[in-house]
C-alpha atoms as a PDB file:
ATOM      1  CA  MET A   1    -138.976  65.112  78.242  1.00  0.00           C
ATOM      2  CA  VAL A   2    -137.185  68.434  77.676  1.00  0.00           C
ATOM      3  CA  SER A   3    -133.544  68.451  76.664  1.00  0.00           C
ATOM      4  CA  ARG A   4    -131.130  71.299  76.440  1.00  0.00           C
ATOM      5  CA  VAL A   5    -129.127  69.602  73.652  1.00  0.00           C
ATOM      6  CA  GLU A   6    -130.361  69.131  70.098  1.00  0.00           C
ATOM      7  CA  GLU A   7    -131.294  65.479  69.698  1.00  0.00           C
ATOM      8  CA  LYS A   8    -132.706  63.480  66.835  1.00  0.00           C
ATOM      9  CA  PRO A   9    -135.855  61.421  67.878  1.00  0.00           C
ATOM     10  CA  LEU A  10    -135.724  57.635  67.995  1.00  0.00           C
ATOM     11  CA  THR A  11    -138.245  55.915  65.754  1.00  0.00           C
ATOM     12  CA  PHE A  12    -139.129  52.339  65.159  1.00  0.00           C
ATOM     13  CA  GLU A  13    -139.649  51.648  61.462  1.00  0.00           C
ATOM     14  CA  PRO A  14    -140.863  48.340  59.894  1.00  0.00           C
ATOM     15  CA  ASP A  15    -138.760  46.713  57.249  1.00  0.00           C
ATOM     16  CA  LYS A  16    -140.038  44.852  54.229  1.00  0.00           C
ATOM     17  CA  ASP A  17    -139.062  41.509  55.835  1.00  0.00           C
ATOM     18  CA  GLY A  18    -141.330  42.156  58.831  1.00  0.00           C
ATOM     19  CA  THR A  19    -138.684  43.158  61.303  1.00  0.00           C
ATOM     20  CA  ILE A  20    -138.548  46.600  63.123  1.00  0.00           C
ATOM     21  CA  GLN A  21    -135.521  48.859  62.852  1.00  0.00           C
ATOM     22  CA  LEU A  22    -134.566  51.432  65.482  1.00  0.00           C
ATOM     23  CA  LYS A  23    -133.550  54.679  63.727  1.00  0.00           C
ATOM     24  CA  GLY A  24    -132.569  58.193  64.677  1.00  0.00           C
ATOM     25  CA  GLY A  25    -130.856  59.517  67.696  1.00  0.00           C
ATOM     26  CA  ASN A  26    -127.417  61.124  67.656  1.00  0.00           C
ATOM     27  CA  LEU A  27    -124.265  59.012  67.453  1.00  0.00           C
ATOM     28  CA  ASP A  28    -123.078  59.506  70.986  1.00  0.00           C
ATOM     29  CA  PHE A  29    -126.498  58.692  72.359  1.00  0.00           C
ATOM     30  CA  MET A  30    -126.954  55.651  70.219  1.00  0.00           C
ATOM     31  CA  ARG A  31    -123.516  54.357  71.390  1.00  0.00           C
ATOM     32  CA  SER A  32    -124.499  54.908  75.004  1.00  0.00           C
ATOM     33  CA  ILE A  33    -127.577  52.683  74.712  1.00  0.00           C
ATOM     34  CA  ASP A  34    -125.940  49.927  72.568  1.00  0.00           C
ATOM     35  CA  SER A  35    -125.904  47.340  75.381  1.00  0.00           C
ATOM     36  CA  ASP A  36    -129.611  48.119  76.216  1.00  0.00           C
ATOM     37  CA  ILE A  37    -130.479  47.689  72.558  1.00  0.00           C
ATOM     38  CA  LYS A  38    -128.736  44.372  72.380  1.00  0.00           C
ATOM     39  CA  TYR A  39    -130.136  43.137  75.679  1.00  0.00           C
ATOM     40  CA  TRP A  40    -133.698  44.335  75.578  1.00  0.00           C
ATOM     41  CA  LEU A  41    -134.515  44.376  71.911  1.00  0.00           C
ATOM     42  CA  GLU A  42    -132.238  41.683  70.282  1.00  0.00           C
ATOM     43  CA  ILE A  43    -132.148  39.145  73.077  1.00  0.00           C
ATOM     44  CA  ASN A  44    -135.430  39.628  74.845  1.00  0.00           C
ATOM     45  CA  GLY A  45    -137.590  41.364  72.237  1.00  0.00           C
ATOM     46  CA  SER A  46    -139.064  43.757  74.715  1.00  0.00           C
ATOM     47  CA  VAL A  47    -139.719  47.276  73.383  1.00  0.00           C
ATOM     48  CA  PRO A  48    -141.408  48.312  76.679  1.00  0.00           C
ATOM     49  CA  CYS A  49    -138.447  47.355  78.835  1.00  0.00           C
ATOM     50  CA  PHE A  50    -136.073  48.944  76.387  1.00  0.00           C
ATOM     51  CA  LEU A  51    -138.037  52.240  76.553  1.00  0.00           C
ATOM     52  CA  GLY A  52    -138.042  51.987  80.380  1.00  0.00           C
ATOM     53  CA  THR A  53    -134.186  52.221  80.293  1.00  0.00           C
ATOM     54  CA  LEU A  54    -134.054  55.514  78.338  1.00  0.00           C
ATOM     55  CA  GLN A  55    -133.673  58.701  80.194  1.00  0.00           C
END
């Protein structure tokens, strides 16, 4: 995807306790996808469905 604004990439990074953390992205973008993060990642545990919501 090509963007005209400077963005930080999203990355999934493992923690020491075995969970995965979503990191990166600019603050406005992260706020705009907060409900998708909660629904797809925290409640349903589906990374593919979460990624499908990103534009």
